[in-house]
Amino acid sequence: MTARRHDRTASDGFILVAVLWVLGALAALASIYALYVANTAMAVAINDDAVKANALTAGAVELAAFELLKAPEDRRPTRGAFTFRMRSAQIAVEFCSEAARIDLNAAPKELLAGLFGVLGAQADDAAQYADRIVAWRKTPSDNAPDREASLYGAAGLSYAPRGAPFEHVDELWLVLGLPPAMVGRAMFYVTVFSGRPDINVLDAAPEVIAALPGMTSERLNAFLSERPLLTRGGAPSDLSQLGPGRAHATVEGSKATRVTVHIALDNGRRITSQAVIIVDGEGEPFRVLSWREDIDAQGGAVRPRMRP
């Protein structure tokens, strides 16, 4: 009788342990499943935000194009801003002519060197950086050795300069001898879509205006203080305060316009996207030249270092 009771107790204990083990396994599976569901829901929400942002950006770009198209071409705004709300998002839109940036394909060497000087490069280094950029876009001669390509080969690079215009500003990262930190700063002030050798000083950032040849702190500050009074189409004397830099300045825009879209979703997420469009009246109302989603549109601000 005692032996049977002992065996039954042992059997009951084994069953209890087995049940507890099964319950523990089920609890673990339930936790894993709950985590999976939560992660899936989060991924779906993020993807849903991306889909919403893409649609909202497209709509904002179309509205910016409308703002440009509704005015006669000779009075088309070179910059502007507006806001609107759509369902669960607040959208702020800014647009500005690409002429406010320095064109890597059209700008003269002195303007390119001036930009790198403002961004912190020594004068000799800034001139070398400008030389390399001009050499990248210049077609090599058929009757002479390609010295520039030789420099890239000697540096151990597996590619040579394009020998043609920059297709995208990101090519600047490939130019020989340009420090990555300097390239990163320059990205906020250059373009390949303006097509102009000069810059629109009514819309350009102070860093870009500071890059004009012969610019000094006094000239820059004086011009910036009076810039709000200037209008597009003003007389050439409006730019007299720029000194020698006046030769590289304009108040005209370009056909290409950069549209920056800031989206604030009600769930707290913030998304910034940019598109460069061209309004040329050829068939379609506008064409998209460049499109970048979910970018950092802030950094890159560098205090101008002026030449005496």
C-alpha atoms as a PDB file:
ATOM      1  CA  MET A   1       0.000   0.000   0.000  1.00  0.00           C
ATOM      2  CA  THR A   2       2.819   2.412   0.912  1.00  0.00           C
ATOM      3  CA  ALA A   3       4.694   1.587  -2.294  1.00  0.00           C
ATOM      4  CA  ARG A   4       1.604   2.247  -4.430  1.00  0.00           C
ATOM      5  CA  ARG A   5       1.033   5.552  -2.706  1.00  0.00           C
ATOM      6  CA  HIS A   6       4.668   6.524  -3.330  1.00  0.00           C
ATOM      7  CA  ASP A   7       4.431   5.602  -7.026  1.00  0.00           C
ATOM      8  CA  ARG A   8       1.230   7.598  -7.421  1.00  0.00           C
ATOM      9  CA  THR A   9       2.783  10.651  -5.758  1.00  0.00           C
ATOM     10  CA  ALA A  10       5.807  10.426  -8.042  1.00  0.00           C
ATOM     11  CA  SER A  11       3.552  10.084 -11.087  1.00  0.00           C
ATOM     12  CA  ASP A  12       1.476  13.089 -10.038  1.00  0.00           C
ATOM     13  CA  GLY A  13       4.646  15.147  -9.563  1.00  0.00           C
ATOM     14  CA  PHE A  14       5.907  14.191 -13.016  1.00  0.00           C
ATOM     15  CA  ILE A  15       2.587  15.171 -14.584  1.00  0.00           C
ATOM     16  CA  LEU A  16       2.638  18.495 -12.733  1.00  0.00           C
ATOM     17  CA  VAL A  17       6.145  19.259 -13.967  1.00  0.00           C
ATOM     18  CA  ALA A  18       5.122  18.341 -17.528  1.00  0.00           C
ATOM     19  CA  VAL A  19       2.065  20.585 -17.336  1.00  0.00           C
ATOM     20  CA  LEU A  20       4.108  23.461 -15.985  1.00  0.00           C
ATOM     21  CA  TRP A  21       6.680  22.973 -18.757  1.00  0.00           C
ATOM     22  CA  VAL A  22       3.929  23.016 -21.413  1.00  0.00           C
ATOM     23  CA  LEU A  23       2.399  26.131 -19.876  1.00  0.00           C
ATOM     24  CA  GLY A  24       5.791  27.808 -19.858  1.00  0.00           C
ATOM     25  CA  ALA A  25       6.348  26.922 -23.510  1.00  0.00           C
ATOM     26  CA  LEU A  26       2.912  28.251 -24.424  1.00  0.00           C
ATOM     27  CA  ALA A  27       3.626  31.467 -22.532  1.00  0.00           C
ATOM     28  CA  ALA A  28       6.920  31.851 -24.409  1.00  0.00           C
ATOM     29  CA  LEU A  29       5.166  31.237 -27.728  1.00  0.00           C
ATOM     30  CA  ALA A  30       2.490  33.755 -26.787  1.00  0.00           C
ATOM     31  CA  SER A  31       5.180  36.342 -25.967  1.00  0.00           C
ATOM     32  CA  ILE A  32       6.970  35.694 -29.249  1.00  0.00           C
ATOM     33  CA  TYR A  33       3.720  35.981 -31.166  1.00  0.00           C
ATOM     34  CA  ALA A  34       2.788  39.207 -29.372  1.00  0.00           C
ATOM     35  CA  LEU A  35       6.229  40.645 -30.194  1.00  0.00           C
ATOM     36  CA  TYR A  36       5.824  39.552 -33.821  1.00  0.00           C
ATOM     37  CA  VAL A  37       2.401  41.193 -34.032  1.00  0.00           C
ATOM     38  CA  ALA A  38       3.728  44.406 -32.470  1.00  0.00           C
ATOM     39  CA  ASN A  39       6.701  44.536 -34.860  1.00  0.00           C
ATOM     40  CA  THR A  40       4.465  43.785 -37.809  1.00  0.00           C
ATOM     41  CA  ALA A  41       2.068  46.532 -36.789  1.00  0.00           C
ATOM     42  CA  MET A  42       4.969  48.949 -36.410  1.00  0.00           C
ATOM     43  CA  ALA A  43       6.373  48.003 -39.826  1.00  0.00           C
ATOM     44  CA  VAL A  44       2.965  48.425 -41.418  1.00  0.00           C
ATOM     45  CA  ALA A  45       2.566  51.814 -39.745  1.00  0.00           C
ATOM     46  CA  ILE A  46       5.975  52.977 -40.962  1.00  0.00           C
ATOM     47  CA  ASN A  47       5.219  51.749 -44.463  1.00  0.00           C
ATOM     48  CA  ASP A  48       1.833  53.457 -44.303  1.00  0.00           C
ATOM     49  CA  ASP A  49       3.572  56.714 -43.303  1.00  0.00           C
ATOM     50  CA  ALA A  50       5.937  56.360 -46.269  1.00  0.00           C
ATOM     51  CA  VAL A  51       3.043  55.818 -48.675  1.00  0.00           C
ATOM     52  CA  LYS A  52       1.214  58.840 -47.264  1.00  0.00           C
ATOM     53  CA  ALA A  53       4.345  60.985 -47.422  1.00  0.00           C
ATOM     54  CA  ASN A  54       5.014  60.009 -51.026  1.00  0.00           C
ATOM     55  CA  ALA A  55       1.488  60.958 -52.076  1.00  0.00           C
ATOM     56  CA  LEU A  56       1.574  64.204 -50.101  1.00  0.00           C
ATOM     57  CA  THR A  57       4.960  65.138 -51.580  1.00  0.00           C
ATOM     58  CA  ALA A  58       3.685  64.518 -55.091  1.00  0.00           C
ATOM     59  CA  GLY A  59       0.675  66.715 -54.402  1.00  0.00           C
ATOM     60  CA  ALA A  60       2.841  69.459 -52.896  1.00  0.00           C
ATOM     61  CA  VAL A  61       5.165  69.439 -55.920  1.00  0.00           C
ATOM     62  CA  GLU A  62       2.187  69.788 -58.245  1.00  0.00           C
ATOM     63  CA  LEU A  63       0.892  72.738 -56.224  1.00  0.00           C
ATOM     64  CA  ALA A  64       4.331  74.379 -56.393  1.00  0.00           C
ATOM     65  CA  ALA A  65       4.350  73.872 -60.166  1.00  0.00           C
ATOM     66  CA  PHE A  66       0.922  75.495 -60.316  1.00  0.00           C
ATOM     67  CA  GLU A  67       2.248  78.510 -58.390  1.00  0.00           C
ATOM     68  CA  LEU A  68       4.930  78.877 -61.059  1.00  0.00           C
ATOM     69  CA  LEU A  69       2.679  78.277 -64.042  1.00  0.00           C
ATOM     70  CA  LYS A  70      -0.117  80.632 -63.042  1.00  0.00           C
ATOM     71  CA  ALA A  71       2.165  83.647 -63.548  1.00  0.00           C
ATOM     72  CA  PRO A  72       3.433  84.884 -66.931  1.00  0.00           C
ATOM     73  CA  GLU A  73       6.895  83.579 -67.708  1.00  0.00           C
ATOM     74  CA  ASP A  74       8.527  87.005 -67.458  1.00  0.00           C
ATOM     75  CA  ARG A  75       7.024  87.514 -63.993  1.00  0.00           C
ATOM     76  CA  ARG A  76       7.300  83.977 -62.690  1.00  0.00           C
ATOM     77  CA  PRO A  77       8.383  83.926 -59.007  1.00  0.00           C
ATOM     78  CA  THR A  78      11.868  82.656 -58.275  1.00  0.00           C
ATOM     79  CA  ARG A  79      10.921  81.626 -54.757  1.00  0.00           C
ATOM     80  CA  GLY A  80       7.867  81.162 -52.580  1.00  0.00           C
ATOM     81  CA  ALA A  81       6.271  79.213 -49.747  1.00  0.00           C
ATOM     82  CA  PHE A  82       2.857  77.994 -48.691  1.00  0.00           C
ATOM     83  CA  THR A  83       1.256  75.554 -46.261  1.00  0.00           C
ATOM     84  CA  PHE A  84      -1.792  73.337 -46.315  1.00  0.00           C
ATOM     85  CA  ARG A  85      -3.356  70.544 -44.320  1.00  0.00           C
ATOM     86  CA  MET A  86      -4.595  67.259 -45.699  1.00  0.00           C
ATOM     87  CA  ARG A  87      -6.295  64.737 -43.420  1.00  0.00           C
ATOM     88  CA  SER A  88      -3.734  63.674 -40.791  1.00  0.00           C
ATOM     89  CA  ALA A  89      -0.791  65.792 -41.943  1.00  0.00           C
ATOM     90  CA  GLN A  90       0.382  69.399 -42.012  1.00  0.00           C
ATOM     91  CA  ILE A  91       2.488  70.242 -45.064  1.00  0.00           C
ATOM     92  CA  ALA A  92       4.860  73.190 -45.501  1.00  0.00           C
ATOM     93  CA  VAL A  93       6.257  73.802 -48.981  1.00  0.00           C
ATOM     94  CA  GLU A  94       9.165  75.989 -50.072  1.00  0.00           C
ATOM     95  CA  PHE A  95      10.329  76.454 -53.645  1.00  0.00           C
ATOM     96  CA  CYS A  96      13.338  78.313 -54.982  1.00  0.00           C
ATOM     97  CA  SER A  97      15.015  78.688 -58.351  1.00  0.00           C
ATOM     98  CA  GLU A  98      18.151  76.615 -58.843  1.00  0.00           C
ATOM     99  CA  ALA A  99      19.853  79.841 -59.908  1.00  0.00           C
ATOM    100  CA  ALA A 100      20.270  80.472 -56.175  1.00  0.00           C
ATOM    101  CA  ARG A 101      22.919  77.724 -56.177  1.00  0.00           C
ATOM    102  CA  ILE A 102      26.310  77.488 -57.860  1.00  0.00           C
ATOM    103  CA  ASP A 103      26.157  75.313 -60.967  1.00  0.00           C
ATOM    104  CA  LEU A 104      29.006  72.791 -61.031  1.00  0.00           C
ATOM    105  CA  ASN A 105      28.897  72.699 -64.820  1.00  0.00           C
ATOM    106  CA  ALA A 106      28.626  76.413 -65.589  1.00  0.00           C
ATOM    107  CA  ALA A 107      30.274  78.307 -62.737  1.00  0.00           C
ATOM    108  CA  PRO A 108      33.722  79.798 -63.412  1.00  0.00           C
ATOM    109  CA  LYS A 109      36.704  78.675 -61.392  1.00  0.00           C
ATOM    110  CA  GLU A 110      36.790  81.802 -59.219  1.00  0.00           C
ATOM    111  CA  LEU A 111      33.216  81.289 -58.052  1.00  0.00           C
ATOM    112  CA  LEU A 112      33.866  77.640 -57.180  1.00  0.00           C
ATOM    113  CA  ALA A 113      37.061  78.560 -55.332  1.00  0.00           C
ATOM    114  CA  GLY A 114      35.189  81.302 -53.502  1.00  0.00           C
ATOM    115  CA  LEU A 115      32.639  78.808 -52.200  1.00  0.00           C
ATOM    116  CA  PHE A 116      35.292  76.481 -50.789  1.00  0.00           C
ATOM    117  CA  GLY A 117      37.013  79.479 -49.225  1.00  0.00           C
ATOM    118  CA  VAL A 118      33.793  80.454 -47.476  1.00  0.00           C
ATOM    119  CA  LEU A 119      33.371  76.853 -46.293  1.00  0.00           C
ATOM    120  CA  GLY A 120      36.750  76.915 -44.571  1.00  0.00           C
ATOM    121  CA  ALA A 121      39.430  75.972 -47.120  1.00  0.00           C
ATOM    122  CA  GLN A 122      42.698  77.880 -47.370  1.00  0.00           C
ATOM    123  CA  ALA A 123      43.030  79.984 -50.522  1.00  0.00           C
ATOM    124  CA  ASP A 124      45.513  77.642 -52.247  1.00  0.00           C
ATOM    125  CA  ASP A 125      43.463  74.561 -51.393  1.00  0.00           C
ATOM    126  CA  ALA A 126      40.239  76.211 -52.555  1.00  0.00           C
ATOM    127  CA  ALA A 127      41.850  77.012 -55.907  1.00  0.00           C
ATOM    128  CA  GLN A 128      42.989  73.397 -56.287  1.00  0.00           C
ATOM    129  CA  TYR A 129      39.509  72.089 -55.505  1.00  0.00           C
ATOM    130  CA  ALA A 130      38.088  74.397 -58.167  1.00  0.00           C
ATOM    131  CA  ASP A 131      40.714  73.201 -60.672  1.00  0.00           C
ATOM    132  CA  ARG A 132      39.746  69.581 -60.068  1.00  0.00           C
ATOM    133  CA  ILE A 133      36.049  70.348 -60.585  1.00  0.00           C
ATOM    134  CA  VAL A 134      36.696  72.213 -63.825  1.00  0.00           C
ATOM    135  CA  ALA A 135      38.950  69.369 -65.001  1.00  0.00           C
ATOM    136  CA  TRP A 136      36.253  66.782 -64.172  1.00  0.00           C
ATOM    137  CA  ARG A 137      33.745  68.465 -66.492  1.00  0.00           C
ATOM    138  CA  LYS A 138      36.198  69.418 -69.255  1.00  0.00           C
ATOM    139  CA  THR A 139      36.404  67.244 -72.374  1.00  0.00           C
ATOM    140  CA  PRO A 140      39.993  66.002 -72.794  1.00  0.00           C
ATOM    141  CA  SER A 141      41.873  66.846 -75.956  1.00  0.00           C
ATOM    142  CA  ASP A 142      42.279  64.113 -78.566  1.00  0.00           C
ATOM    143  CA  ASN A 143      45.757  65.358 -79.459  1.00  0.00           C
ATOM    144  CA  ALA A 144      47.303  65.466 -75.998  1.00  0.00           C
ATOM    145  CA  PRO A 145      47.778  63.058 -73.097  1.00  0.00           C
ATOM    146  CA  ASP A 146      44.985  63.091 -70.570  1.00  0.00           C
ATOM    147  CA  ARG A 147      46.919  64.506 -67.631  1.00  0.00           C
ATOM    148  CA  GLU A 148      43.869  64.557 -65.394  1.00  0.00           C
ATOM    149  CA  ALA A 149      43.147  60.870 -65.932  1.00  0.00           C
ATOM    150  CA  SER A 150      46.798  60.137 -65.111  1.00  0.00           C
ATOM    151  CA  LEU A 151      46.393  61.901 -61.762  1.00  0.00           C
ATOM    152  CA  TYR A 152      43.443  59.687 -60.895  1.00  0.00           C
ATOM    153  CA  GLY A 153      45.402  56.583 -61.889  1.00  0.00           C
ATOM    154  CA  ALA A 154      48.422  57.655 -59.831  1.00  0.00           C
ATOM    155  CA  ALA A 155      46.109  58.100 -56.844  1.00  0.00           C
ATOM    156  CA  GLY A 156      45.063  54.462 -57.160  1.00  0.00           C
ATOM    157  CA  LEU A 157      41.516  55.236 -58.264  1.00  0.00           C
ATOM    158  CA  SER A 158      39.726  52.808 -60.552  1.00  0.00           C
ATOM    159  CA  TYR A 159      37.996  55.565 -62.507  1.00  0.00           C
ATOM    160  CA  ALA A 160      38.910  58.689 -64.440  1.00  0.00           C
ATOM    161  CA  PRO A 161      37.200  62.084 -64.491  1.00  0.00           C
ATOM    162  CA  ARG A 162      34.005  62.157 -66.503  1.00  0.00           C
ATOM    163  CA  GLY A 163      35.351  64.544 -69.121  1.00  0.00           C
ATOM    164  CA  ALA A 164      31.799  65.846 -69.515  1.00  0.00           C
ATOM    165  CA  PRO A 165      29.304  67.823 -67.432  1.00  0.00           C
ATOM    166  CA  PHE A 166      28.368  66.548 -63.988  1.00  0.00           C
ATOM    167  CA  GLU A 167      25.185  64.483 -64.195  1.00  0.00           C
ATOM    168  CA  HIS A 168      24.448  64.781 -60.472  1.00  0.00           C
ATOM    169  CA  VAL A 169      25.895  66.763 -57.578  1.00  0.00           C
ATOM    170  CA  ASP A 170      26.814  63.468 -55.871  1.00  0.00           C
ATOM    171  CA  GLU A 171      29.615  63.107 -58.438  1.00  0.00           C
ATOM    172  CA  LEU A 172      31.417  65.742 -56.409  1.00  0.00           C
ATOM    173  CA  TRP A 173      32.300  62.943 -53.952  1.00  0.00           C
ATOM    174  CA  LEU A 174      34.344  61.326 -56.744  1.00  0.00           C
ATOM    175  CA  VAL A 175      36.459  64.354 -57.647  1.00  0.00           C
ATOM    176  CA  LEU A 176      40.121  63.811 -56.792  1.00  0.00           C
ATOM    177  CA  GLY A 177      41.512  65.682 -53.802  1.00  0.00           C
ATOM    178  CA  LEU A 178      38.294  67.064 -52.348  1.00  0.00           C
ATOM    179  CA  PRO A 179      38.028  66.302 -48.602  1.00  0.00           C
ATOM    180  CA  PRO A 180      34.759  64.523 -47.751  1.00  0.00           C
ATOM    181  CA  ALA A 181      33.941  67.095 -45.059  1.00  0.00           C
ATOM    182  CA  MET A 182      34.290  69.885 -47.614  1.00  0.00           C
ATOM    183  CA  VAL A 183      32.100  68.058 -50.120  1.00  0.00           C
ATOM    184  CA  GLY A 184      29.436  67.477 -47.483  1.00  0.00           C
ATOM    185  CA  ARG A 185      29.294  71.190 -46.709  1.00  0.00           C
ATOM    186  CA  ALA A 186      29.227  72.209 -50.375  1.00  0.00           C
ATOM    187  CA  MET A 187      26.263  69.962 -51.200  1.00  0.00           C
ATOM    188  CA  PHE A 188      23.799  72.495 -49.806  1.00  0.00           C
ATOM    189  CA  TYR A 189      25.003  75.241 -52.156  1.00  0.00           C
ATOM    190  CA  VAL A 190      25.610  73.560 -55.535  1.00  0.00           C
ATOM    191  CA  THR A 191      23.475  72.244 -58.365  1.00  0.00           C
ATOM    192  CA  VAL A 192      23.692  70.817 -61.887  1.00  0.00           C
ATOM    193  CA  PHE A 193      20.297  72.135 -62.984  1.00  0.00           C
ATOM    194  CA  SER A 194      20.722  75.907 -63.102  1.00  0.00           C
ATOM    195  CA  GLY A 195      22.659  76.111 -66.351  1.00  0.00           C
ATOM    196  CA  ARG A 196      23.831  79.610 -65.407  1.00  0.00           C
ATOM    197  CA  PRO A 197      27.396  80.802 -64.774  1.00  0.00           C
ATOM    198  CA  ASP A 198      26.067  83.407 -62.335  1.00  0.00           C
ATOM    199  CA  ILE A 199      23.877  83.220 -59.218  1.00  0.00           C
ATOM    200  CA  ASN A 200      20.575  84.823 -58.293  1.00  0.00           C
ATOM    201  CA  VAL A 201      21.624  87.000 -55.380  1.00  0.00           C
ATOM    202  CA  LEU A 202      18.018  87.755 -54.430  1.00  0.00           C
ATOM    203  CA  ASP A 203      17.458  84.124 -53.444  1.00  0.00           C
ATOM    204  CA  ALA A 204      20.937  82.730 -52.744  1.00  0.00           C
ATOM    205  CA  ALA A 205      22.100  81.774 -49.271  1.00  0.00           C
ATOM    206  CA  PRO A 206      24.581  84.189 -47.642  1.00  0.00           C
ATOM    207  CA  GLU A 207      27.302  81.545 -48.079  1.00  0.00           C
ATOM    208  CA  VAL A 208      26.765  81.587 -51.846  1.00  0.00           C
ATOM    209  CA  ILE A 209      26.830  85.380 -52.065  1.00  0.00           C
ATOM    210  CA  ALA A 210      29.962  85.387 -49.909  1.00  0.00           C
ATOM    211  CA  ALA A 211      31.616  83.202 -52.574  1.00  0.00           C
ATOM    212  CA  LEU A 212      31.462  86.008 -55.174  1.00  0.00           C
ATOM    213  CA  PRO A 213      34.912  87.289 -56.169  1.00  0.00           C
ATOM    214  CA  GLY A 214      36.026  90.308 -54.185  1.00  0.00           C
ATOM    215  CA  MET A 215      33.324  89.913 -51.563  1.00  0.00           C
ATOM    216  CA  THR A 216      34.076  91.257 -48.099  1.00  0.00           C
ATOM    217  CA  SER A 217      32.181  91.167 -44.830  1.00  0.00           C
ATOM    218  CA  GLU A 218      31.223  94.826 -45.202  1.00  0.00           C
ATOM    219  CA  ARG A 219      29.870  94.367 -48.730  1.00  0.00           C
ATOM    220  CA  LEU A 220      28.011  91.205 -47.791  1.00  0.00           C
ATOM    221  CA  ASN A 221      26.343  92.711 -44.733  1.00  0.00           C
ATOM    222  CA  ALA A 222      25.402  95.884 -46.598  1.00  0.00           C
ATOM    223  CA  PHE A 223      23.874  93.915 -49.460  1.00  0.00           C
ATOM    224  CA  LEU A 224      21.955  91.527 -47.193  1.00  0.00           C
ATOM    225  CA  SER A 225      20.492  94.439 -45.241  1.00  0.00           C
ATOM    226  CA  GLU A 226      19.097  95.989 -48.431  1.00  0.00           C
ATOM    227  CA  ARG A 227      18.235  92.779 -50.301  1.00  0.00           C
ATOM    228  CA  PRO A 228      14.596  92.702 -49.103  1.00  0.00           C
ATOM    229  CA  LEU A 229      14.071  96.009 -50.961  1.00  0.00           C
ATOM    230  CA  LEU A 230      15.329  94.676 -54.279  1.00  0.00           C
ATOM    231  CA  THR A 231      13.001  93.110 -56.799  1.00  0.00           C
ATOM    232  CA  ARG A 232      13.453  90.887 -59.795  1.00  0.00           C
ATOM    233  CA  GLY A 233      14.127  92.899 -62.942  1.00  0.00           C
ATOM    234  CA  GLY A 234      15.728  95.757 -61.031  1.00  0.00           C
ATOM    235  CA  ALA A 235      18.316  97.990 -62.645  1.00  0.00           C
ATOM    236  CA  PRO A 236      21.935  96.765 -62.719  1.00  0.00           C
ATOM    237  CA  SER A 237      22.817  99.513 -60.239  1.00  0.00           C
ATOM    238  CA  ASP A 238      20.856  97.539 -57.620  1.00  0.00           C
ATOM    239  CA  LEU A 239      23.833  95.173 -57.401  1.00  0.00           C
ATOM    240  CA  SER A 240      26.547  97.802 -57.179  1.00  0.00           C
ATOM    241  CA  GLN A 241      27.236  96.968 -53.535  1.00  0.00           C
ATOM    242  CA  LEU A 242      28.573  93.576 -54.617  1.00  0.00           C
ATOM    243  CA  GLY A 243      31.713  95.190 -56.045  1.00  0.00           C
ATOM    244  CA  PRO A 244      33.650  92.910 -58.431  1.00  0.00           C
ATOM    245  CA  GLY A 245      31.227  90.084 -57.645  1.00  0.00           C
ATOM    246  CA  ARG A 246      28.548  91.935 -59.577  1.00  0.00           C
ATOM    247  CA  ALA A 247      29.856  90.325 -62.780  1.00  0.00           C
ATOM    248  CA  HIS A 248      28.739  86.918 -61.475  1.00  0.00           C
ATOM    249  CA  ALA A 249      25.409  88.061 -60.033  1.00  0.00           C
ATOM    250  CA  THR A 250      21.903  88.210 -61.466  1.00  0.00           C
ATOM    251  CA  VAL A 251      18.352  88.749 -60.294  1.00  0.00           C
ATOM    252  CA  GLU A 252      16.955  86.273 -62.805  1.00  0.00           C
ATOM    253  CA  GLY A 253      15.909  82.716 -62.039  1.00  0.00           C
ATOM    254  CA  SER A 254      16.314  79.517 -64.008  1.00  0.00           C
ATOM    255  CA  LYS A 255      13.800  77.121 -65.497  1.00  0.00           C
ATOM    256  CA  ALA A 256      14.692  74.574 -62.817  1.00  0.00           C
ATOM    257  CA  THR A 257      13.144  74.997 -59.363  1.00  0.00           C
ATOM    258  CA  ARG A 258      13.866  73.108 -56.140  1.00  0.00           C
ATOM    259  CA  VAL A 259      10.778  72.200 -54.113  1.00  0.00           C
ATOM    260  CA  THR A 260      11.258  71.250 -50.462  1.00  0.00           C
ATOM    261  CA  VAL A 261       8.321  69.582 -48.731  1.00  0.00           C
ATOM    262  CA  HIS A 262       8.115  69.303 -44.923  1.00  0.00           C
ATOM    263  CA  ILE A 263       5.442  66.860 -43.747  1.00  0.00           C
ATOM    264  CA  ALA A 264       4.321  66.697 -40.103  1.00  0.00           C
ATOM    265  CA  LEU A 265       2.102  63.675 -39.465  1.00  0.00           C
ATOM    266  CA  ASP A 266      -0.294  63.716 -36.545  1.00  0.00           C
ATOM    267  CA  ASN A 267       1.466  60.645 -35.098  1.00  0.00           C
ATOM    268  CA  GLY A 268       4.551  62.783 -34.523  1.00  0.00           C
ATOM    269  CA  ARG A 269       6.672  61.674 -37.472  1.00  0.00           C
ATOM    270  CA  ARG A 270       8.414  64.350 -39.534  1.00  0.00           C
ATOM    271  CA  ILE A 271       9.430  63.749 -43.148  1.00  0.00           C
ATOM    272  CA  THR A 272      11.254  66.119 -45.501  1.00  0.00           C
ATOM    273  CA  SER A 273      11.551  65.482 -49.232  1.00  0.00           C
ATOM    274  CA  GLN A 274      12.946  67.456 -52.164  1.00  0.00           C
ATOM    275  CA  ALA A 275      12.282  67.525 -55.865  1.00  0.00           C
ATOM    276  CA  VAL A 276      13.818  69.591 -58.647  1.00  0.00           C
ATOM    277  CA  ILE A 277      11.369  70.362 -61.409  1.00  0.00           C
ATOM    278  CA  ILE A 278      11.590  72.257 -64.664  1.00  0.00           C
ATOM    279  CA  VAL A 279       8.774  74.307 -66.117  1.00  0.00           C
ATOM    280  CA  ASP A 280       9.516  74.745 -69.808  1.00  0.00           C
ATOM    281  CA  GLY A 281       6.144  74.529 -71.505  1.00  0.00           C
ATOM    282  CA  GLU A 282       7.188  71.627 -73.707  1.00  0.00           C
ATOM    283  CA  GLY A 283       4.228  69.260 -73.702  1.00  0.00           C
ATOM    284  CA  GLU A 284       3.850  68.537 -69.990  1.00  0.00           C
ATOM    285  CA  PRO A 285       3.272  71.350 -67.485  1.00  0.00           C
ATOM    286  CA  PHE A 286       6.482  70.379 -65.696  1.00  0.00           C
ATOM    287  CA  ARG A 287       9.098  67.626 -65.543  1.00  0.00           C
ATOM    288  CA  VAL A 288      10.836  66.133 -62.513  1.00  0.00           C
ATOM    289  CA  LEU A 289      14.632  66.235 -62.770  1.00  0.00           C
ATOM    290  CA  SER A 290      15.480  64.947 -59.300  1.00  0.00           C
ATOM    291  CA  TRP A 291      13.535  63.375 -56.420  1.00  0.00           C
ATOM    292  CA  ARG A 292      14.806  62.626 -52.916  1.00  0.00           C
ATOM    293  CA  GLU A 293      12.645  61.317 -50.106  1.00  0.00           C
ATOM    294  CA  ASP A 294      13.005  61.509 -46.324  1.00  0.00           C
ATOM    295  CA  ILE A 295      16.130  63.652 -46.289  1.00  0.00           C
ATOM    296  CA  ASP A 296      17.846  65.892 -43.765  1.00  0.00           C
ATOM    297  CA  ALA A 297      17.269  69.357 -45.102  1.00  0.00           C
ATOM    298  CA  GLN A 298      18.811  71.162 -42.166  1.00  0.00           C
ATOM    299  CA  GLY A 299      22.581  70.775 -41.741  1.00  0.00           C
ATOM    300  CA  GLY A 300      25.255  72.283 -43.890  1.00  0.00           C
ATOM    301  CA  ALA A 301      24.989  75.762 -42.439  1.00  0.00           C
ATOM    302  CA  VAL A 302      28.502  77.139 -42.192  1.00  0.00           C
ATOM    303  CA  ARG A 303      29.464  80.596 -40.995  1.00  0.00           C
ATOM    304  CA  PRO A 304      31.056  82.459 -43.933  1.00  0.00           C
ATOM    305  CA  ARG A 305      34.747  83.097 -43.520  1.00  0.00           C
ATOM    306  CA  MET A 306      35.292  86.325 -45.391  1.00  0.00           C
ATOM    307  CA  ARG A 307      38.387  87.502 -47.173  1.00  0.00           C
ATOM    308  CA  PRO A 308      39.831  90.827 -45.978  1.00  0.00           C
END
